[in-house]
């Protein structure tokens, strides 16, 4: 895990089928900005992480993200996605955006979610 403190930021390339996990302890605030896939493309969205852990991804293609620490200090790491085993317990597959998936509370265990 990498640690950055208030006022610092880092651009992170997220390889296909990897996840970015940002941990902001209590009283810490971070932002994750999904950058365009190519240098010069406009940003595609911003997520605030305050006193919690947030996981972004996986995506089927490489993506770019700017991680900024606003208050306190945060840690982040890129790891392989933990895909569920596809077995008879999976009843359906659903394609969602990251925001739609994040809004599920909790996700259905019998559904395989594809984040696009």
N, C-alpha and C. Protein backbone atom coordinates (compact mmCIF):
# COMPACT_ATOMS: atom_id res chain seq x y z
N UNK A 1 0.85 -1.18 0.00
CA UNK A 1 0.00 0.00 0.00
C UNK A 1 0.89 1.24 0.00
N UNK A 2 0.43 2.25 -0.70
CA UNK A 2 1.14 3.51 -0.76
C UNK A 2 0.39 4.52 0.11
N UNK A 3 1.13 5.39 0.79
CA UNK A 3 0.53 6.40 1.67
C UNK A 3 0.85 7.79 1.12
N UNK A 4 -0.17 8.66 1.10
CA UNK A 4 0.04 10.06 0.76
C UNK A 4 -0.68 10.92 1.81
N UNK A 5 -0.21 12.14 1.99
CA UNK A 5 -0.79 13.01 3.01
C UNK A 5 -1.44 14.23 2.35
N UNK A 6 -2.07 15.06 3.17
CA UNK A 6 -2.84 16.21 2.70
C UNK A 6 -2.05 17.04 1.71
N UNK A 7 -2.71 17.40 0.61
CA UNK A 7 -2.08 18.22 -0.40
C UNK A 7 -1.35 17.44 -1.48
N UNK A 8 -1.19 16.14 -1.29
CA UNK A 8 -0.51 15.32 -2.29
C UNK A 8 -1.53 14.59 -3.15
N UNK A 9 -1.11 14.26 -4.38
CA UNK A 9 -1.96 13.44 -5.23
C UNK A 9 -1.06 12.58 -6.12
N UNK A 10 -1.64 11.53 -6.68
CA UNK A 10 -0.89 10.64 -7.55
C UNK A 10 -1.83 10.09 -8.61
N UNK A 11 -1.34 10.07 -9.85
CA UNK A 11 -2.10 9.46 -10.94
C UNK A 11 -1.72 7.99 -11.00
N UNK A 12 -2.74 7.15 -11.01
CA UNK A 12 -2.53 5.71 -10.98
C UNK A 12 -3.18 5.07 -12.20
N UNK A 13 -2.41 4.30 -12.96
CA UNK A 13 -2.98 3.49 -14.05
C UNK A 13 -3.51 2.21 -13.43
N UNK A 14 -4.75 1.90 -13.75
CA UNK A 14 -5.39 0.69 -13.23
C UNK A 14 -5.48 -0.33 -14.37
N UNK A 15 -4.64 -1.38 -14.32
CA UNK A 15 -4.65 -2.38 -15.39
C UNK A 15 -6.01 -3.09 -15.47
N UNK A 16 -6.29 -3.71 -16.61
CA UNK A 16 -7.55 -4.47 -16.73
C UNK A 16 -7.69 -5.51 -15.64
N UNK A 17 -8.92 -5.66 -15.14
CA UNK A 17 -9.28 -6.68 -14.15
C UNK A 17 -8.55 -6.51 -12.81
N UNK A 18 -8.14 -5.29 -12.52
CA UNK A 18 -7.54 -4.95 -11.23
C UNK A 18 -8.49 -3.98 -10.53
N UNK A 19 -8.37 -3.86 -9.22
CA UNK A 19 -9.18 -2.91 -8.46
C UNK A 19 -8.26 -1.94 -7.71
N UNK A 20 -8.75 -0.73 -7.55
CA UNK A 20 -8.06 0.30 -6.78
C UNK A 20 -8.80 0.44 -5.47
N UNK A 21 -8.11 0.26 -4.35
CA UNK A 21 -8.71 0.40 -3.03
C UNK A 21 -8.07 1.57 -2.32
N UNK A 22 -8.90 2.54 -1.91
CA UNK A 22 -8.45 3.73 -1.20
C UNK A 22 -9.01 3.67 0.21
N UNK A 23 -8.12 3.82 1.20
CA UNK A 23 -8.52 3.78 2.61
C UNK A 23 -8.28 5.16 3.21
N UNK A 24 -9.36 5.79 3.65
CA UNK A 24 -9.28 7.08 4.34
C UNK A 24 -9.72 6.85 5.78
N UNK A 25 -8.80 6.88 6.75
CA UNK A 25 -9.19 6.67 8.14
C UNK A 25 -10.13 7.78 8.63
N UNK A 26 -10.64 7.63 9.84
CA UNK A 26 -11.51 8.65 10.42
C UNK A 26 -10.82 10.01 10.34
N UNK A 27 -11.56 11.04 10.02
CA UNK A 27 -11.07 12.42 9.90
C UNK A 27 -10.17 12.64 8.69
N UNK A 28 -10.10 11.71 7.77
CA UNK A 28 -9.34 11.89 6.53
C UNK A 28 -10.31 11.97 5.36
N UNK A 29 -9.94 12.75 4.35
CA UNK A 29 -10.79 12.91 3.16
C UNK A 29 -9.89 12.80 1.93
N UNK A 30 -10.36 12.01 0.98
CA UNK A 30 -9.64 11.84 -0.29
C UNK A 30 -10.63 12.00 -1.43
N UNK A 31 -10.10 12.21 -2.63
CA UNK A 31 -10.94 12.19 -3.83
C UNK A 31 -10.27 11.32 -4.87
N UNK A 32 -11.11 10.63 -5.63
CA UNK A 32 -10.64 9.80 -6.73
C UNK A 32 -11.30 10.34 -7.98
N UNK A 33 -10.50 10.80 -8.93
CA UNK A 33 -11.03 11.33 -10.18
C UNK A 33 -10.70 10.35 -11.29
N UNK A 34 -11.74 9.86 -11.97
CA UNK A 34 -11.51 8.98 -13.13
C UNK A 34 -11.12 9.88 -14.29
N UNK A 35 -9.88 9.74 -14.72
CA UNK A 35 -9.37 10.54 -15.82
C UNK A 35 -9.78 9.91 -17.14
N UNK A 36 -9.67 10.68 -18.22
CA UNK A 36 -9.92 10.12 -19.54
C UNK A 36 -8.95 9.00 -19.83
N UNK A 37 -9.33 8.12 -20.71
CA UNK A 37 -8.47 6.97 -21.00
C UNK A 37 -7.19 7.37 -21.71
N UNK A 38 -7.18 8.51 -22.38
CA UNK A 38 -6.00 9.02 -23.07
C UNK A 38 -5.64 10.39 -22.51
N UNK A 39 -4.35 10.69 -22.47
CA UNK A 39 -3.91 12.00 -21.99
C UNK A 39 -4.64 13.10 -22.77
N UNK A 40 -5.17 14.09 -22.07
CA UNK A 40 -5.89 15.19 -22.69
C UNK A 40 -7.39 14.99 -22.75
N UNK A 41 -7.89 13.75 -22.56
CA UNK A 41 -9.33 13.52 -22.53
C UNK A 41 -9.91 14.11 -21.24
N UNK A 42 -11.16 14.57 -21.26
CA UNK A 42 -11.75 15.15 -20.05
C UNK A 42 -11.98 14.09 -18.97
N UNK A 43 -11.98 14.51 -17.68
CA UNK A 43 -12.27 13.57 -16.59
C UNK A 43 -13.67 12.99 -16.73
N UNK A 44 -13.87 11.78 -16.20
CA UNK A 44 -15.15 11.10 -16.34
C UNK A 44 -15.95 11.02 -15.04
N UNK A 45 -15.43 11.57 -13.96
CA UNK A 45 -16.18 11.55 -12.71
C UNK A 45 -15.26 11.64 -11.51
N UNK A 46 -15.85 12.03 -10.37
CA UNK A 46 -15.07 12.20 -9.14
C UNK A 46 -15.83 11.56 -7.98
N UNK A 47 -15.10 10.85 -7.13
CA UNK A 47 -15.67 10.20 -5.95
C UNK A 47 -14.95 10.70 -4.72
N UNK A 48 -15.70 11.07 -3.68
CA UNK A 48 -15.13 11.51 -2.41
C UNK A 48 -15.10 10.32 -1.46
N UNK A 49 -13.99 10.15 -0.76
CA UNK A 49 -13.83 9.08 0.23
C UNK A 49 -13.51 9.75 1.55
N UNK A 50 -14.42 9.65 2.51
CA UNK A 50 -14.25 10.32 3.80
C UNK A 50 -14.46 9.31 4.93
N UNK A 51 -13.38 8.98 5.64
CA UNK A 51 -13.47 8.08 6.78
C UNK A 51 -13.97 6.69 6.42
N UNK A 52 -13.61 6.20 5.24
CA UNK A 52 -14.09 4.89 4.81
C UNK A 52 -13.11 4.26 3.82
N UNK A 53 -13.44 3.06 3.39
CA UNK A 53 -12.67 2.37 2.35
C UNK A 53 -13.51 2.31 1.10
N UNK A 54 -12.92 2.64 -0.04
CA UNK A 54 -13.64 2.65 -1.31
C UNK A 54 -12.85 1.85 -2.33
N UNK A 55 -13.55 0.95 -3.04
CA UNK A 55 -12.92 0.15 -4.09
C UNK A 55 -13.50 0.56 -5.44
N UNK A 56 -12.61 0.80 -6.41
CA UNK A 56 -12.99 1.18 -7.76
C UNK A 56 -12.56 0.07 -8.70
N UNK A 57 -13.43 -0.32 -9.63
CA UNK A 57 -13.10 -1.35 -10.61
C UNK A 57 -13.71 -2.68 -10.20
N UNK A 58 -13.44 -3.70 -10.95
CA UNK A 58 -12.51 -3.79 -12.07
C UNK A 58 -13.15 -3.32 -13.38
N UNK A 59 -12.30 -2.96 -14.32
CA UNK A 59 -12.71 -2.58 -15.66
C UNK A 59 -12.06 -3.55 -16.64
N UNK A 60 -12.65 -3.70 -17.82
CA UNK A 60 -12.11 -4.62 -18.82
C UNK A 60 -10.92 -4.04 -19.57
N UNK A 61 -10.72 -2.73 -19.46
CA UNK A 61 -9.60 -2.05 -20.12
C UNK A 61 -8.83 -1.25 -19.07
N UNK A 62 -7.62 -0.84 -19.42
CA UNK A 62 -6.85 0.01 -18.50
C UNK A 62 -7.54 1.35 -18.33
N UNK A 63 -7.59 1.84 -17.09
CA UNK A 63 -8.17 3.16 -16.80
C UNK A 63 -7.15 3.96 -16.00
N UNK A 64 -7.39 5.28 -15.93
CA UNK A 64 -6.48 6.18 -15.21
C UNK A 64 -7.28 6.91 -14.14
N UNK A 65 -6.68 7.04 -12.96
CA UNK A 65 -7.35 7.69 -11.83
C UNK A 65 -6.35 8.60 -11.11
N UNK A 66 -6.84 9.78 -10.70
CA UNK A 66 -6.03 10.67 -9.89
C UNK A 66 -6.53 10.57 -8.46
N UNK A 67 -5.65 10.17 -7.55
CA UNK A 67 -6.00 10.01 -6.14
C UNK A 67 -5.40 11.19 -5.40
N UNK A 68 -6.25 11.96 -4.72
CA UNK A 68 -5.78 13.15 -4.00
C UNK A 68 -6.18 13.05 -2.54
N UNK A 69 -5.25 13.40 -1.66
CA UNK A 69 -5.55 13.46 -0.23
C UNK A 69 -5.88 14.90 0.11
N UNK A 70 -7.08 15.14 0.60
CA UNK A 70 -7.54 16.49 0.92
C UNK A 70 -7.24 16.84 2.39
N UNK A 71 -7.51 15.89 3.29
CA UNK A 71 -7.32 16.10 4.73
C UNK A 71 -6.71 14.84 5.33
N UNK A 72 -5.71 15.00 6.19
CA UNK A 72 -5.10 13.85 6.89
C UNK A 72 -4.15 13.09 5.98
N UNK A 73 -4.24 11.76 6.05
CA UNK A 73 -3.43 10.88 5.21
C UNK A 73 -4.28 9.70 4.78
N UNK A 74 -3.95 9.14 3.62
CA UNK A 74 -4.69 8.01 3.09
C UNK A 74 -3.71 6.97 2.55
N UNK A 75 -4.21 5.76 2.35
CA UNK A 75 -3.42 4.72 1.70
C UNK A 75 -4.23 4.20 0.52
N UNK A 76 -3.51 3.68 -0.48
CA UNK A 76 -4.19 3.05 -1.60
C UNK A 76 -3.33 1.93 -2.16
N UNK A 77 -4.00 1.01 -2.87
CA UNK A 77 -3.31 -0.14 -3.43
C UNK A 77 -4.08 -0.63 -4.65
N UNK A 78 -3.38 -1.25 -5.58
CA UNK A 78 -3.97 -1.88 -6.75
C UNK A 78 -3.74 -3.38 -6.62
N UNK A 79 -4.82 -4.15 -6.72
CA UNK A 79 -4.73 -5.61 -6.57
C UNK A 79 -5.62 -6.29 -7.60
N UNK A 80 -5.38 -7.57 -7.88
CA UNK A 80 -6.26 -8.29 -8.81
C UNK A 80 -7.68 -8.35 -8.26
N UNK A 81 -8.65 -8.28 -9.16
CA UNK A 81 -10.06 -8.37 -8.76
C UNK A 81 -10.35 -9.77 -8.23
N UNK A 82 -11.20 -9.85 -7.23
CA UNK A 82 -11.59 -11.12 -6.66
C UNK A 82 -12.95 -11.49 -7.25
N UNK A 83 -12.90 -12.12 -8.43
CA UNK A 83 -14.14 -12.50 -9.09
C UNK A 83 -14.76 -13.70 -8.40
N UNK A 84 -16.08 -13.70 -8.24
CA UNK A 84 -16.71 -14.87 -7.63
C UNK A 84 -16.62 -16.07 -8.58
N UNK A 85 -16.56 -17.23 -8.00
CA UNK A 85 -16.57 -18.44 -8.82
C UNK A 85 -17.94 -18.55 -9.48
N UNK A 86 -17.95 -18.78 -10.77
CA UNK A 86 -19.22 -18.93 -11.47
C UNK A 86 -19.66 -20.37 -11.31
N UNK A 87 -20.74 -20.54 -10.60
CA UNK A 87 -21.26 -21.89 -10.36
C UNK A 87 -22.78 -21.84 -10.41
N UNK A 88 -23.41 -22.85 -9.95
CA UNK A 88 -24.87 -22.91 -10.03
C UNK A 88 -25.56 -21.89 -9.14
N UNK A 89 -24.81 -21.23 -8.22
CA UNK A 89 -25.43 -20.23 -7.35
C UNK A 89 -25.68 -18.91 -8.08
N UNK A 90 -25.01 -18.69 -9.23
CA UNK A 90 -25.22 -17.46 -10.00
C UNK A 90 -26.46 -17.64 -10.86
N UNK A 91 -27.46 -16.81 -10.64
CA UNK A 91 -28.72 -16.94 -11.36
C UNK A 91 -28.81 -16.00 -12.55
N UNK A 92 -28.06 -14.88 -12.51
CA UNK A 92 -28.13 -13.94 -13.62
C UNK A 92 -26.90 -13.04 -13.62
N UNK A 93 -26.70 -12.37 -14.77
CA UNK A 93 -25.62 -11.40 -14.89
C UNK A 93 -26.26 -10.05 -15.23
N UNK A 94 -25.71 -8.97 -14.65
CA UNK A 94 -26.24 -7.63 -14.86
C UNK A 94 -25.09 -6.69 -15.16
N UNK A 95 -25.27 -5.84 -16.18
CA UNK A 95 -24.27 -4.81 -16.49
C UNK A 95 -24.69 -3.51 -15.83
N UNK A 96 -23.77 -2.90 -15.05
CA UNK A 96 -24.04 -1.66 -14.33
C UNK A 96 -22.85 -0.72 -14.47
N UNK A 97 -23.11 0.56 -14.21
CA UNK A 97 -22.00 1.49 -14.06
C UNK A 97 -21.47 1.36 -12.64
N UNK A 98 -20.29 1.92 -12.39
CA UNK A 98 -19.73 1.86 -11.03
C UNK A 98 -20.68 2.54 -10.05
N UNK A 99 -21.28 3.67 -10.43
CA UNK A 99 -22.20 4.39 -9.54
C UNK A 99 -23.44 3.55 -9.22
N UNK A 100 -23.98 2.85 -10.23
CA UNK A 100 -25.16 2.01 -9.98
C UNK A 100 -24.81 0.86 -9.04
N UNK A 101 -23.61 0.28 -9.23
CA UNK A 101 -23.20 -0.81 -8.34
C UNK A 101 -23.01 -0.30 -6.91
N UNK A 102 -22.38 0.89 -6.78
CA UNK A 102 -22.15 1.45 -5.45
C UNK A 102 -23.45 1.73 -4.71
N UNK A 103 -24.54 2.00 -5.46
CA UNK A 103 -25.83 2.31 -4.85
C UNK A 103 -26.55 1.06 -4.32
N UNK A 104 -26.12 -0.12 -4.73
CA UNK A 104 -26.75 -1.34 -4.25
C UNK A 104 -26.41 -1.54 -2.78
N UNK A 105 -27.39 -1.93 -2.00
CA UNK A 105 -27.14 -2.07 -0.58
C UNK A 105 -27.93 -3.24 -0.01
N UNK A 106 -27.35 -4.38 0.13
CA UNK A 106 -26.10 -4.89 -0.42
C UNK A 106 -26.35 -5.49 -1.79
N UNK A 107 -25.29 -5.82 -2.54
CA UNK A 107 -25.47 -6.51 -3.82
C UNK A 107 -26.07 -7.89 -3.61
N UNK A 108 -26.81 -8.37 -4.60
CA UNK A 108 -27.43 -9.69 -4.55
C UNK A 108 -26.37 -10.76 -4.77
N UNK A 109 -26.23 -11.69 -3.85
CA UNK A 109 -25.19 -12.72 -3.93
C UNK A 109 -25.40 -13.67 -5.10
N UNK A 110 -26.61 -13.78 -5.62
CA UNK A 110 -26.85 -14.70 -6.73
C UNK A 110 -26.71 -14.01 -8.09
N UNK A 111 -26.25 -12.76 -8.11
CA UNK A 111 -26.08 -12.01 -9.34
C UNK A 111 -24.60 -11.72 -9.58
N UNK A 112 -24.14 -11.94 -10.82
CA UNK A 112 -22.79 -11.59 -11.22
C UNK A 112 -22.88 -10.21 -11.86
N UNK A 113 -22.23 -9.21 -11.25
CA UNK A 113 -22.29 -7.83 -11.73
C UNK A 113 -21.11 -7.54 -12.64
N UNK A 114 -21.35 -7.00 -13.81
CA UNK A 114 -20.32 -6.55 -14.74
C UNK A 114 -20.32 -5.03 -14.74
N UNK A 115 -19.22 -4.43 -14.27
CA UNK A 115 -19.13 -2.98 -14.20
C UNK A 115 -18.59 -2.48 -15.53
N UNK A 116 -19.38 -1.64 -16.20
CA UNK A 116 -18.96 -1.09 -17.51
C UNK A 116 -19.00 0.42 -17.50
